Amino acid sequence: MDGSLVSQFNLPTHYMSGIAYDNGDFWVSRYYPDPSWIYKVNSAGTILDDFQAPNNQPWDLCMENNYLWMADYWGDTLYKIDPTDGSLIDSYASEGVDPAGIVWDGNYLWYCDEGSGSVDYLYKVDLGGGGTPDINVPVTSHDYGTVTIGTQGLWDMTVESVGSGALVIDSITLSGLGRNTFRAPLHSHHDSYRNVRSVPSDL
């Protein structure tokens, strides 16, 4: 191998930022303008398929068996996509910020981000979900004091991931207030902060 150019072809548009090989074809992504877009092209550059990306800064792509993974730089998230129709299968928050590279080695998913301080990190991920996830809510009640009608009181409730595996919080049930549903991926030994609001409407 001497690094000489063998072939090339034009991509569908400008501002391309990721590439994944898929049985002779390629997946590429466009990060500007919004909304971002993902294309499947053949070795001649002909578009075979395309769909909107799940977020607006796709920085890299990879194929994992029958799924397409996307690392979103500003979204700090890894997305698992069904490449047959572009539908979102799952998403996971990156450990650090600005994930900018992702690859599947046949057994593990690898990605890199800005890590901590001046050191970037490379992560090896077991998609089988190894470990034992567990959570702790250190403070389970809050006194809002006097909240005037037409205003709101806020409480940043802390949820700690204290187990050895990642988890997803999908709802919180508060006494007297009912169940609130959402999606919050939470990695091992990380904290999540949920805004709990008190909004009185009458006396």
N, C-alpha and C. Protein backbone atom coordinates (compact mmCIF):
# COMPACT_ATOMS: atom_id res chain seq x y z
N MET A 1 0.85 -1.19 0.00
CA MET A 1 0.00 0.00 0.00
C MET A 1 0.88 1.24 0.00
N ASP A 2 0.65 2.12 -0.98
CA ASP A 2 1.47 3.32 -1.08
C ASP A 2 0.67 4.60 -0.93
N GLY A 3 -0.66 4.48 -0.63
CA GLY A 3 -1.48 5.66 -0.42
C GLY A 3 -1.97 6.32 -1.68
N SER A 4 -1.78 5.70 -2.84
CA SER A 4 -2.24 6.30 -4.09
C SER A 4 -3.75 6.20 -4.21
N LEU A 5 -4.37 7.18 -4.86
CA LEU A 5 -5.81 7.23 -5.03
C LEU A 5 -6.26 6.17 -6.03
N VAL A 6 -7.24 5.34 -5.63
CA VAL A 6 -7.77 4.29 -6.50
C VAL A 6 -9.00 4.78 -7.24
N SER A 7 -9.92 5.41 -6.52
CA SER A 7 -11.13 5.93 -7.15
C SER A 7 -11.75 6.98 -6.26
N GLN A 8 -12.70 7.73 -6.80
CA GLN A 8 -13.43 8.73 -6.04
C GLN A 8 -14.76 8.99 -6.72
N PHE A 9 -15.70 9.56 -5.97
CA PHE A 9 -16.97 9.97 -6.57
C PHE A 9 -17.53 11.14 -5.77
N ASN A 10 -18.42 11.89 -6.39
CA ASN A 10 -19.02 13.04 -5.74
C ASN A 10 -20.07 12.60 -4.74
N LEU A 11 -20.12 13.27 -3.60
CA LEU A 11 -21.13 13.02 -2.59
C LEU A 11 -22.40 13.81 -2.91
N PRO A 12 -23.53 13.46 -2.28
CA PRO A 12 -24.81 14.08 -2.66
C PRO A 12 -24.88 15.58 -2.44
N THR A 13 -24.13 16.11 -1.46
CA THR A 13 -24.22 17.54 -1.15
C THR A 13 -22.96 17.96 -0.41
N HIS A 14 -22.95 19.18 0.12
CA HIS A 14 -21.81 19.68 0.88
C HIS A 14 -22.00 19.39 2.38
N TYR A 15 -20.99 19.74 3.18
CA TYR A 15 -21.01 19.60 4.64
C TYR A 15 -21.27 18.15 5.06
N MET A 16 -20.51 17.25 4.47
CA MET A 16 -20.61 15.83 4.82
C MET A 16 -19.67 15.53 5.98
N SER A 17 -20.07 14.58 6.85
CA SER A 17 -19.30 14.44 8.09
C SER A 17 -19.26 13.03 8.67
N GLY A 18 -19.48 12.02 7.90
CA GLY A 18 -19.40 10.66 8.44
C GLY A 18 -19.50 9.66 7.32
N ILE A 19 -18.94 8.46 7.53
CA ILE A 19 -19.01 7.44 6.50
C ILE A 19 -19.03 6.06 7.15
N ALA A 20 -19.88 5.18 6.63
CA ALA A 20 -19.95 3.80 7.11
C ALA A 20 -20.09 2.87 5.91
N TYR A 21 -19.35 1.78 5.92
CA TYR A 21 -19.40 0.81 4.84
C TYR A 21 -20.51 -0.19 5.10
N ASP A 22 -21.27 -0.54 4.03
CA ASP A 22 -22.41 -1.44 4.18
C ASP A 22 -22.51 -2.36 2.96
N ASN A 23 -21.76 -3.46 2.99
CA ASN A 23 -21.84 -4.48 1.94
C ASN A 23 -21.69 -3.91 0.54
N GLY A 24 -20.66 -3.12 0.33
CA GLY A 24 -20.39 -2.55 -0.99
C GLY A 24 -20.94 -1.16 -1.20
N ASP A 25 -21.89 -0.74 -0.35
CA ASP A 25 -22.44 0.61 -0.41
C ASP A 25 -21.91 1.42 0.78
N PHE A 26 -22.33 2.69 0.84
CA PHE A 26 -21.83 3.58 1.89
C PHE A 26 -22.96 4.41 2.47
N TRP A 27 -22.88 4.67 3.76
CA TRP A 27 -23.75 5.65 4.41
C TRP A 27 -22.94 6.89 4.70
N VAL A 28 -23.46 8.06 4.36
CA VAL A 28 -22.80 9.32 4.63
C VAL A 28 -23.84 10.28 5.23
N SER A 29 -23.37 11.27 5.96
CA SER A 29 -24.30 12.20 6.61
C SER A 29 -23.93 13.64 6.30
N ARG A 30 -24.96 14.48 6.37
CA ARG A 30 -24.79 15.92 6.17
C ARG A 30 -25.19 16.64 7.46
N TYR A 31 -24.30 17.51 7.96
CA TYR A 31 -24.58 18.18 9.23
C TYR A 31 -25.08 19.61 9.08
N TYR A 32 -25.14 20.15 7.87
CA TYR A 32 -25.61 21.51 7.65
C TYR A 32 -26.18 21.62 6.25
N PRO A 33 -27.31 22.35 6.07
CA PRO A 33 -28.13 23.04 7.06
C PRO A 33 -29.10 22.09 7.75
N ASP A 34 -29.74 22.59 8.82
CA ASP A 34 -30.77 21.80 9.49
C ASP A 34 -32.02 21.71 8.62
N PRO A 35 -32.73 20.58 8.67
CA PRO A 35 -32.40 19.38 9.42
C PRO A 35 -31.29 18.59 8.73
N SER A 36 -30.50 17.90 9.51
CA SER A 36 -29.42 17.09 8.95
C SER A 36 -30.00 15.87 8.25
N TRP A 37 -29.17 15.26 7.38
CA TRP A 37 -29.69 14.21 6.51
C TRP A 37 -28.67 13.08 6.40
N ILE A 38 -29.18 11.86 6.22
CA ILE A 38 -28.34 10.68 6.03
C ILE A 38 -28.64 10.07 4.67
N TYR A 39 -27.59 9.71 3.93
CA TYR A 39 -27.74 9.15 2.59
C TYR A 39 -27.06 7.79 2.50
N LYS A 40 -27.67 6.89 1.72
CA LYS A 40 -27.01 5.65 1.33
C LYS A 40 -26.66 5.78 -0.14
N VAL A 41 -25.38 5.59 -0.47
CA VAL A 41 -24.93 5.73 -1.85
C VAL A 41 -24.16 4.49 -2.26
N ASN A 42 -24.13 4.24 -3.57
CA ASN A 42 -23.31 3.12 -4.06
C ASN A 42 -21.92 3.62 -4.42
N SER A 43 -21.10 2.75 -4.97
CA SER A 43 -19.70 3.09 -5.24
C SER A 43 -19.54 4.08 -6.38
N ALA A 44 -20.65 4.42 -7.06
CA ALA A 44 -20.62 5.45 -8.08
C ALA A 44 -21.15 6.79 -7.56
N GLY A 45 -21.62 6.80 -6.30
CA GLY A 45 -22.16 8.02 -5.72
C GLY A 45 -23.65 8.19 -5.92
N THR A 46 -24.31 7.22 -6.55
CA THR A 46 -25.76 7.29 -6.77
C THR A 46 -26.51 7.10 -5.44
N ILE A 47 -27.47 7.96 -5.17
CA ILE A 47 -28.25 7.86 -3.94
C ILE A 47 -29.20 6.67 -4.03
N LEU A 48 -29.07 5.75 -3.09
CA LEU A 48 -29.96 4.58 -3.03
C LEU A 48 -31.10 4.78 -2.04
N ASP A 49 -30.84 5.57 -1.01
CA ASP A 49 -31.84 5.83 0.02
C ASP A 49 -31.42 7.07 0.80
N ASP A 50 -32.34 7.72 1.46
CA ASP A 50 -32.00 8.87 2.30
C ASP A 50 -33.13 9.13 3.27
N PHE A 51 -32.78 9.72 4.42
CA PHE A 51 -33.78 10.09 5.42
C PHE A 51 -33.18 11.12 6.37
N GLN A 52 -34.06 11.77 7.11
CA GLN A 52 -33.63 12.79 8.07
C GLN A 52 -32.93 12.14 9.24
N ALA A 53 -31.82 12.75 9.68
CA ALA A 53 -31.08 12.25 10.84
C ALA A 53 -31.87 12.56 12.11
N PRO A 54 -31.66 11.77 13.17
CA PRO A 54 -32.41 12.00 14.41
C PRO A 54 -31.99 13.25 15.17
N ASN A 55 -30.83 13.83 14.83
CA ASN A 55 -30.39 15.08 15.43
C ASN A 55 -29.57 15.84 14.40
N ASN A 56 -29.14 17.05 14.73
CA ASN A 56 -28.63 17.94 13.69
C ASN A 56 -27.12 18.09 13.59
N GLN A 57 -26.35 17.25 14.29
CA GLN A 57 -24.90 17.29 14.12
C GLN A 57 -24.33 15.87 14.01
N PRO A 58 -24.73 15.13 12.97
CA PRO A 58 -24.16 13.79 12.79
C PRO A 58 -22.68 13.90 12.43
N TRP A 59 -21.82 13.39 13.31
CA TRP A 59 -20.38 13.55 13.11
C TRP A 59 -19.72 12.30 12.58
N ASP A 60 -20.33 11.14 12.87
CA ASP A 60 -19.79 9.91 12.34
C ASP A 60 -20.87 8.84 12.34
N LEU A 61 -20.66 7.79 11.52
CA LEU A 61 -21.60 6.70 11.36
C LEU A 61 -20.87 5.37 11.40
N CYS A 62 -21.58 4.32 11.76
CA CYS A 62 -21.03 2.97 11.62
C CYS A 62 -22.18 1.99 11.52
N MET A 63 -21.91 0.84 10.90
CA MET A 63 -22.88 -0.24 10.84
C MET A 63 -22.55 -1.26 11.93
N GLU A 64 -23.57 -1.68 12.67
CA GLU A 64 -23.46 -2.74 13.67
C GLU A 64 -24.50 -3.79 13.30
N ASN A 65 -24.03 -4.86 12.66
CA ASN A 65 -24.94 -5.88 12.14
C ASN A 65 -25.96 -5.21 11.21
N ASN A 66 -27.24 -5.22 11.56
CA ASN A 66 -28.27 -4.64 10.68
C ASN A 66 -28.68 -3.24 11.08
N TYR A 67 -27.92 -2.61 11.95
CA TYR A 67 -28.30 -1.28 12.45
C TYR A 67 -27.23 -0.25 12.11
N LEU A 68 -27.68 0.98 11.93
CA LEU A 68 -26.80 2.11 11.68
C LEU A 68 -26.71 2.94 12.95
N TRP A 69 -25.48 3.24 13.38
CA TRP A 69 -25.25 4.08 14.55
C TRP A 69 -24.75 5.44 14.12
N MET A 70 -25.20 6.47 14.83
CA MET A 70 -24.79 7.84 14.53
C MET A 70 -24.32 8.52 15.81
N ALA A 71 -23.16 9.15 15.77
CA ALA A 71 -22.66 9.96 16.88
C ALA A 71 -22.99 11.42 16.58
N ASP A 72 -23.78 12.04 17.46
CA ASP A 72 -24.17 13.44 17.26
C ASP A 72 -23.32 14.35 18.14
N TYR A 73 -22.59 15.26 17.51
CA TYR A 73 -21.56 16.05 18.19
C TYR A 73 -22.15 17.00 19.22
N TRP A 74 -23.10 17.84 18.81
CA TRP A 74 -23.68 18.80 19.74
C TRP A 74 -24.76 18.17 20.62
N GLY A 75 -25.38 17.10 20.15
CA GLY A 75 -26.41 16.44 20.94
C GLY A 75 -25.86 15.55 22.03
N ASP A 76 -24.54 15.28 22.01
CA ASP A 76 -23.89 14.44 23.02
C ASP A 76 -24.62 13.10 23.17
N THR A 77 -24.97 12.52 22.04
CA THR A 77 -25.81 11.32 22.04
C THR A 77 -25.39 10.37 20.93
N LEU A 78 -25.52 9.06 21.20
CA LEU A 78 -25.35 8.02 20.19
C LEU A 78 -26.72 7.49 19.83
N TYR A 79 -27.02 7.43 18.55
CA TYR A 79 -28.33 6.99 18.07
C TYR A 79 -28.23 5.67 17.32
N LYS A 80 -29.14 4.75 17.62
CA LYS A 80 -29.25 3.48 16.91
C LYS A 80 -30.44 3.59 15.97
N ILE A 81 -30.20 3.39 14.67
CA ILE A 81 -31.18 3.68 13.63
C ILE A 81 -31.46 2.42 12.82
N ASP A 82 -32.73 2.23 12.45
CA ASP A 82 -33.10 1.19 11.50
C ASP A 82 -32.84 1.75 10.09
N PRO A 83 -31.84 1.24 9.37
CA PRO A 83 -31.50 1.83 8.08
C PRO A 83 -32.52 1.55 6.98
N THR A 84 -33.46 0.67 7.22
CA THR A 84 -34.46 0.38 6.19
C THR A 84 -35.47 1.50 6.04
N ASP A 85 -35.71 2.27 7.13
CA ASP A 85 -36.69 3.35 7.05
C ASP A 85 -36.28 4.61 7.81
N GLY A 86 -35.11 4.59 8.46
CA GLY A 86 -34.63 5.76 9.19
C GLY A 86 -35.23 5.92 10.58
N SER A 87 -36.02 4.96 11.02
CA SER A 87 -36.66 5.10 12.34
C SER A 87 -35.64 4.91 13.46
N LEU A 88 -35.87 5.62 14.56
CA LEU A 88 -34.97 5.57 15.70
C LEU A 88 -35.30 4.34 16.55
N ILE A 89 -34.29 3.50 16.79
CA ILE A 89 -34.45 2.31 17.61
C ILE A 89 -34.15 2.62 19.07
N ASP A 90 -33.06 3.36 19.31
CA ASP A 90 -32.67 3.68 20.68
C ASP A 90 -31.68 4.82 20.66
N SER A 91 -31.42 5.41 21.83
CA SER A 91 -30.42 6.46 21.94
C SER A 91 -29.77 6.40 23.31
N TYR A 92 -28.50 6.82 23.36
CA TYR A 92 -27.73 6.75 24.60
C TYR A 92 -26.89 8.02 24.73
N ALA A 93 -26.94 8.63 25.89
CA ALA A 93 -26.09 9.79 26.14
C ALA A 93 -24.63 9.38 26.12
N SER A 94 -23.77 10.17 25.50
CA SER A 94 -22.34 9.89 25.53
C SER A 94 -21.80 10.18 26.93
N GLU A 95 -20.70 9.53 27.28
CA GLU A 95 -20.12 9.73 28.61
C GLU A 95 -19.65 11.17 28.80
N GLY A 96 -18.98 11.71 27.78
CA GLY A 96 -18.55 13.10 27.81
C GLY A 96 -19.33 13.90 26.77
N VAL A 97 -18.78 15.04 26.37
CA VAL A 97 -19.45 15.88 25.39
C VAL A 97 -18.78 15.73 24.02
N ASP A 98 -19.53 16.10 22.99
CA ASP A 98 -19.04 16.17 21.62
C ASP A 98 -18.48 14.85 21.08
N PRO A 99 -19.27 13.77 21.09
CA PRO A 99 -18.79 12.53 20.47
C PRO A 99 -18.54 12.73 18.99
N ALA A 100 -17.38 12.29 18.51
CA ALA A 100 -16.98 12.65 17.15
C ALA A 100 -16.48 11.48 16.32
N GLY A 101 -16.56 10.26 16.81
CA GLY A 101 -16.15 9.10 16.05
C GLY A 101 -16.78 7.86 16.63
N ILE A 102 -17.20 6.92 15.77
CA ILE A 102 -17.86 5.71 16.25
C ILE A 102 -17.57 4.56 15.29
N VAL A 103 -17.32 3.35 15.83
CA VAL A 103 -17.02 2.20 14.99
C VAL A 103 -17.45 0.93 15.73
N TRP A 104 -17.83 -0.08 14.97
CA TRP A 104 -18.20 -1.40 15.50
C TRP A 104 -17.12 -2.39 15.08
N ASP A 105 -16.56 -3.15 16.04
CA ASP A 105 -15.47 -4.07 15.71
C ASP A 105 -15.93 -5.52 15.57
N GLY A 106 -17.23 -5.74 15.59
CA GLY A 106 -17.78 -7.08 15.50
C GLY A 106 -18.24 -7.63 16.84
N ASN A 107 -17.73 -7.02 17.92
CA ASN A 107 -18.12 -7.43 19.27
C ASN A 107 -18.50 -6.24 20.16
N TYR A 108 -17.80 -5.14 19.97
CA TYR A 108 -18.02 -3.98 20.82
C TYR A 108 -18.17 -2.72 19.97
N LEU A 109 -18.89 -1.75 20.54
CA LEU A 109 -19.01 -0.43 19.94
C LEU A 109 -17.97 0.48 20.56
N TRP A 110 -17.23 1.18 19.73
CA TRP A 110 -16.20 2.12 20.20
C TRP A 110 -16.59 3.53 19.78
N TYR A 111 -16.39 4.50 20.67
CA TYR A 111 -16.59 5.89 20.28
C TYR A 111 -15.67 6.79 21.10
N CYS A 112 -15.44 7.99 20.61
CA CYS A 112 -14.59 8.95 21.31
C CYS A 112 -15.33 10.25 21.51
N ASP A 113 -14.97 10.96 22.59
CA ASP A 113 -15.52 12.30 22.82
C ASP A 113 -14.47 13.14 23.54
N GLU A 114 -14.86 14.32 24.00
CA GLU A 114 -13.89 15.24 24.59
C GLU A 114 -13.46 14.85 25.99
N GLY A 115 -14.08 13.82 26.56
CA GLY A 115 -13.60 13.29 27.83
C GLY A 115 -13.69 14.29 28.97
N SER A 116 -12.57 14.53 29.62
CA SER A 116 -12.54 15.40 30.80
C SER A 116 -11.31 16.27 30.77
N GLY A 117 -11.48 17.56 31.04
CA GLY A 117 -10.35 18.48 31.03
C GLY A 117 -9.73 18.58 29.66
N SER A 118 -8.41 18.37 29.59
CA SER A 118 -7.70 18.48 28.31
C SER A 118 -7.44 17.12 27.69
N VAL A 119 -8.07 16.06 28.22
CA VAL A 119 -7.83 14.70 27.74
C VAL A 119 -9.09 14.15 27.08
N ASP A 120 -8.98 13.75 25.80
CA ASP A 120 -10.09 13.10 25.11
C ASP A 120 -10.12 11.62 25.49
N TYR A 121 -11.31 11.00 25.43
CA TYR A 121 -11.46 9.61 25.82
C TYR A 121 -11.95 8.75 24.67
N LEU A 122 -11.52 7.48 24.68
CA LEU A 122 -12.03 6.46 23.78
C LEU A 122 -12.74 5.42 24.64
N TYR A 123 -13.99 5.08 24.28
CA TYR A 123 -14.80 4.19 25.08
C TYR A 123 -15.08 2.89 24.33
N LYS A 124 -15.09 1.79 25.06
CA LYS A 124 -15.46 0.48 24.55
C LYS A 124 -16.77 0.09 25.22
N VAL A 125 -17.80 -0.15 24.41
CA VAL A 125 -19.15 -0.34 24.94
C VAL A 125 -19.65 -1.75 24.64
N ASP A 126 -20.13 -2.43 25.68
CA ASP A 126 -20.77 -3.73 25.54
C ASP A 126 -22.25 -3.50 25.32
N LEU A 127 -22.73 -3.73 24.10
CA LEU A 127 -24.14 -3.48 23.79
C LEU A 127 -25.05 -4.51 24.43
N GLY A 128 -24.47 -5.56 25.00
CA GLY A 128 -25.29 -6.54 25.71
C GLY A 128 -25.77 -6.05 27.05
N GLY A 129 -25.27 -4.88 27.49
CA GLY A 129 -25.76 -4.30 28.72
C GLY A 129 -25.20 -4.94 29.97
N GLY A 130 -23.91 -5.19 30.00
CA GLY A 130 -23.31 -5.78 31.18
C GLY A 130 -23.41 -4.88 32.39
N GLY A 131 -23.33 -5.46 33.57
CA GLY A 131 -23.40 -4.69 34.80
C GLY A 131 -24.76 -4.79 35.47
N THR A 132 -24.87 -4.17 36.62
CA THR A 132 -26.12 -4.18 37.39
C THR A 132 -26.52 -2.73 37.69
N PRO A 133 -27.46 -2.18 36.93
CA PRO A 133 -27.87 -0.79 37.17
C PRO A 133 -28.68 -0.65 38.45
N ASP A 134 -28.54 0.50 39.11
CA ASP A 134 -29.31 0.80 40.32
C ASP A 134 -29.32 2.31 40.49
N ILE A 135 -30.38 2.83 41.12
CA ILE A 135 -30.48 4.26 41.33
C ILE A 135 -30.70 4.57 42.81
N ASN A 136 -30.40 5.81 43.15
CA ASN A 136 -30.67 6.33 44.49
C ASN A 136 -31.17 7.76 44.35
N VAL A 137 -32.23 8.08 45.07
CA VAL A 137 -32.76 9.45 45.13
C VAL A 137 -32.49 9.95 46.54
N PRO A 138 -31.42 10.76 46.72
CA PRO A 138 -31.01 11.14 48.08
C PRO A 138 -32.03 12.00 48.82
N VAL A 139 -32.78 12.81 48.11
CA VAL A 139 -33.81 13.66 48.74
C VAL A 139 -35.13 13.35 48.06
N THR A 140 -36.11 12.85 48.82
CA THR A 140 -37.36 12.37 48.24
C THR A 140 -38.54 13.31 48.48
N SER A 141 -38.31 14.43 49.16
CA SER A 141 -39.38 15.41 49.36
C SER A 141 -38.80 16.81 49.33
N HIS A 142 -39.66 17.80 49.10
CA HIS A 142 -39.19 19.18 48.99
C HIS A 142 -40.29 20.13 49.45
N ASP A 143 -39.92 21.11 50.25
CA ASP A 143 -40.84 22.15 50.71
C ASP A 143 -40.68 23.37 49.82
N TYR A 144 -41.71 23.64 49.01
CA TYR A 144 -41.65 24.78 48.10
C TYR A 144 -41.89 26.11 48.83
N GLY A 145 -42.34 26.04 50.08
CA GLY A 145 -42.68 27.27 50.78
C GLY A 145 -43.93 27.89 50.19
N THR A 146 -44.01 29.19 50.20
CA THR A 146 -45.18 29.90 49.66
C THR A 146 -44.95 30.18 48.18
N VAL A 147 -45.84 29.65 47.36
CA VAL A 147 -45.77 29.88 45.91
C VAL A 147 -47.03 30.61 45.49
N THR A 148 -46.88 31.79 44.95
CA THR A 148 -48.01 32.62 44.57
C THR A 148 -48.70 32.06 43.33
N ILE A 149 -50.04 32.15 43.31
CA ILE A 149 -50.80 31.73 42.13
C ILE A 149 -50.33 32.52 40.91
N GLY A 150 -50.10 31.81 39.82
CA GLY A 150 -49.60 32.44 38.60
C GLY A 150 -48.09 32.38 38.47
N THR A 151 -47.42 31.90 39.54
CA THR A 151 -45.97 31.70 39.46
C THR A 151 -45.69 30.21 39.68
N GLN A 152 -44.45 29.85 39.80
CA GLN A 152 -44.10 28.45 39.99
C GLN A 152 -42.89 28.32 40.90
N GLY A 153 -42.86 27.21 41.63
CA GLY A 153 -41.69 26.87 42.42
C GLY A 153 -40.95 25.73 41.75
N LEU A 154 -39.63 25.75 41.79
CA LEU A 154 -38.82 24.74 41.11
C LEU A 154 -37.97 23.97 42.11
N TRP A 155 -37.83 22.68 41.84
CA TRP A 155 -36.95 21.81 42.63
C TRP A 155 -36.15 20.95 41.66
N ASP A 156 -34.83 21.06 41.72
CA ASP A 156 -33.95 20.20 40.91
C ASP A 156 -33.72 18.91 41.69
N MET A 157 -34.53 17.90 41.40
CA MET A 157 -34.43 16.63 42.10
C MET A 157 -33.26 15.83 41.52
N THR A 158 -32.39 15.33 42.38
CA THR A 158 -31.22 14.57 41.95
C THR A 158 -31.52 13.08 41.94
N VAL A 159 -31.18 12.43 40.81
CA VAL A 159 -31.27 10.97 40.71
C VAL A 159 -29.86 10.46 40.44
N GLU A 160 -29.33 9.62 41.32
CA GLU A 160 -27.98 9.11 41.21
C GLU A 160 -27.97 7.69 40.65
N SER A 161 -27.10 7.44 39.68
CA SER A 161 -26.87 6.08 39.19
C SER A 161 -25.74 5.48 40.01
N VAL A 162 -26.07 4.55 40.89
CA VAL A 162 -25.09 4.02 41.83
C VAL A 162 -24.67 2.58 41.51
N GLY A 163 -25.25 2.00 40.45
CA GLY A 163 -24.91 0.63 40.09
C GLY A 163 -23.74 0.57 39.14
N SER A 164 -23.53 -0.60 38.55
CA SER A 164 -22.38 -0.83 37.66
C SER A 164 -22.78 -0.93 36.20
N GLY A 165 -24.00 -0.49 35.86
CA GLY A 165 -24.45 -0.53 34.48
C GLY A 165 -25.30 0.67 34.14
N ALA A 166 -25.39 0.99 32.84
CA ALA A 166 -26.23 2.10 32.40
C ALA A 166 -27.70 1.73 32.53
N LEU A 167 -28.54 2.76 32.63
CA LEU A 167 -29.97 2.54 32.74
C LEU A 167 -30.69 3.70 32.06
N VAL A 168 -32.01 3.56 31.92
CA VAL A 168 -32.85 4.60 31.35
C VAL A 168 -34.01 4.86 32.30
N ILE A 169 -34.15 6.10 32.76
CA ILE A 169 -35.29 6.50 33.57
C ILE A 169 -36.40 6.92 32.61
N ASP A 170 -37.58 6.29 32.71
CA ASP A 170 -38.65 6.62 31.77
C ASP A 170 -39.86 7.27 32.43
N SER A 171 -39.90 7.34 33.76
CA SER A 171 -41.03 8.00 34.41
C SER A 171 -40.71 8.26 35.88
N ILE A 172 -41.41 9.22 36.45
CA ILE A 172 -41.36 9.50 37.88
C ILE A 172 -42.79 9.66 38.36
N THR A 173 -43.15 8.98 39.44
CA THR A 173 -44.48 9.12 40.04
C THR A 173 -44.34 9.90 41.34
N LEU A 174 -45.04 11.03 41.43
CA LEU A 174 -44.99 11.89 42.61
C LEU A 174 -46.32 11.82 43.34
N SER A 175 -46.25 11.67 44.64
CA SER A 175 -47.46 11.57 45.45
C SER A 175 -48.34 12.80 45.27
N GLY A 176 -49.58 12.57 44.87
CA GLY A 176 -50.53 13.66 44.69
C GLY A 176 -50.44 14.37 43.36
N LEU A 177 -49.39 14.08 42.59
CA LEU A 177 -49.19 14.77 41.31
C LEU A 177 -49.26 13.83 40.12
N GLY A 178 -49.26 12.53 40.34
CA GLY A 178 -49.37 11.58 39.24
C GLY A 178 -48.02 11.20 38.66
N ARG A 179 -48.08 10.59 37.48
CA ARG A 179 -46.90 10.03 36.84
C ARG A 179 -46.46 10.90 35.67
N ASN A 180 -45.18 11.23 35.64
CA ASN A 180 -44.59 12.02 34.57
C ASN A 180 -43.68 11.14 33.75
N THR A 181 -43.92 11.04 32.45
CA THR A 181 -43.12 10.17 31.59
C THR A 181 -42.15 10.99 30.75
N PHE A 182 -40.97 10.45 30.52
CA PHE A 182 -39.92 11.08 29.73
C PHE A 182 -38.86 10.04 29.47
N ARG A 183 -37.76 10.42 28.82
CA ARG A 183 -36.66 9.49 28.58
C ARG A 183 -35.36 10.15 29.00
N ALA A 184 -34.64 9.51 29.94
CA ALA A 184 -33.39 10.07 30.44
C ALA A 184 -32.35 8.96 30.60
N PRO A 185 -31.51 8.72 29.56
CA PRO A 185 -30.42 7.76 29.73
C PRO A 185 -29.47 8.21 30.82
N LEU A 186 -29.00 7.26 31.63
CA LEU A 186 -28.15 7.60 32.76
C LEU A 186 -27.04 6.55 32.88
N HIS A 187 -25.80 6.99 32.76
CA HIS A 187 -24.67 6.08 32.83
C HIS A 187 -24.30 5.79 34.28
N SER A 188 -23.54 4.72 34.45
CA SER A 188 -23.09 4.32 35.78
C SER A 188 -22.30 5.45 36.44
N HIS A 189 -22.62 5.72 37.71
CA HIS A 189 -21.94 6.71 38.54
C HIS A 189 -22.07 8.12 37.97
N HIS A 190 -23.21 8.39 37.33
CA HIS A 190 -23.55 9.74 36.90
C HIS A 190 -24.85 10.17 37.60
N ASP A 191 -25.10 11.47 37.61
CA ASP A 191 -26.31 12.00 38.20
C ASP A 191 -27.20 12.61 37.12
N SER A 192 -28.51 12.59 37.38
CA SER A 192 -29.48 13.26 36.52
C SER A 192 -30.27 14.22 37.38
N TYR A 193 -30.59 15.38 36.83
CA TYR A 193 -31.35 16.39 37.57
C TYR A 193 -32.66 16.64 36.84
N ARG A 194 -33.79 16.44 37.56
CA ARG A 194 -35.11 16.60 36.98
C ARG A 194 -35.80 17.79 37.63
N ASN A 195 -36.33 18.71 36.81
CA ASN A 195 -37.07 19.85 37.33
C ASN A 195 -38.46 19.41 37.75
N VAL A 196 -38.78 19.56 39.04
CA VAL A 196 -40.12 19.28 39.55
C VAL A 196 -40.74 20.61 39.93
N ARG A 197 -41.84 20.95 39.29
CA ARG A 197 -42.43 22.28 39.44
C ARG A 197 -43.71 22.23 40.26
N SER A 198 -43.89 23.24 41.08
CA SER A 198 -45.15 23.46 41.77
C SER A 198 -45.81 24.68 41.16
N VAL A 199 -46.98 24.48 40.51
CA VAL A 199 -47.67 25.58 39.82
C VAL A 199 -49.10 25.64 40.34
N PRO A 200 -49.33 26.38 41.42
CA PRO A 200 -50.70 26.47 41.97
C PRO A 200 -51.63 27.22 41.04
N SER A 201 -52.86 26.70 40.91
CA SER A 201 -53.84 27.34 40.03
C SER A 201 -55.00 27.96 40.78
N ASP A 202 -55.22 27.53 42.06
CA ASP A 202 -56.29 28.13 42.87
C ASP A 202 -55.98 27.88 44.33
N LEU A 203 -56.76 28.50 45.18
CA LEU A 203 -56.57 28.37 46.63
C LEU A 203 -57.13 27.05 47.11
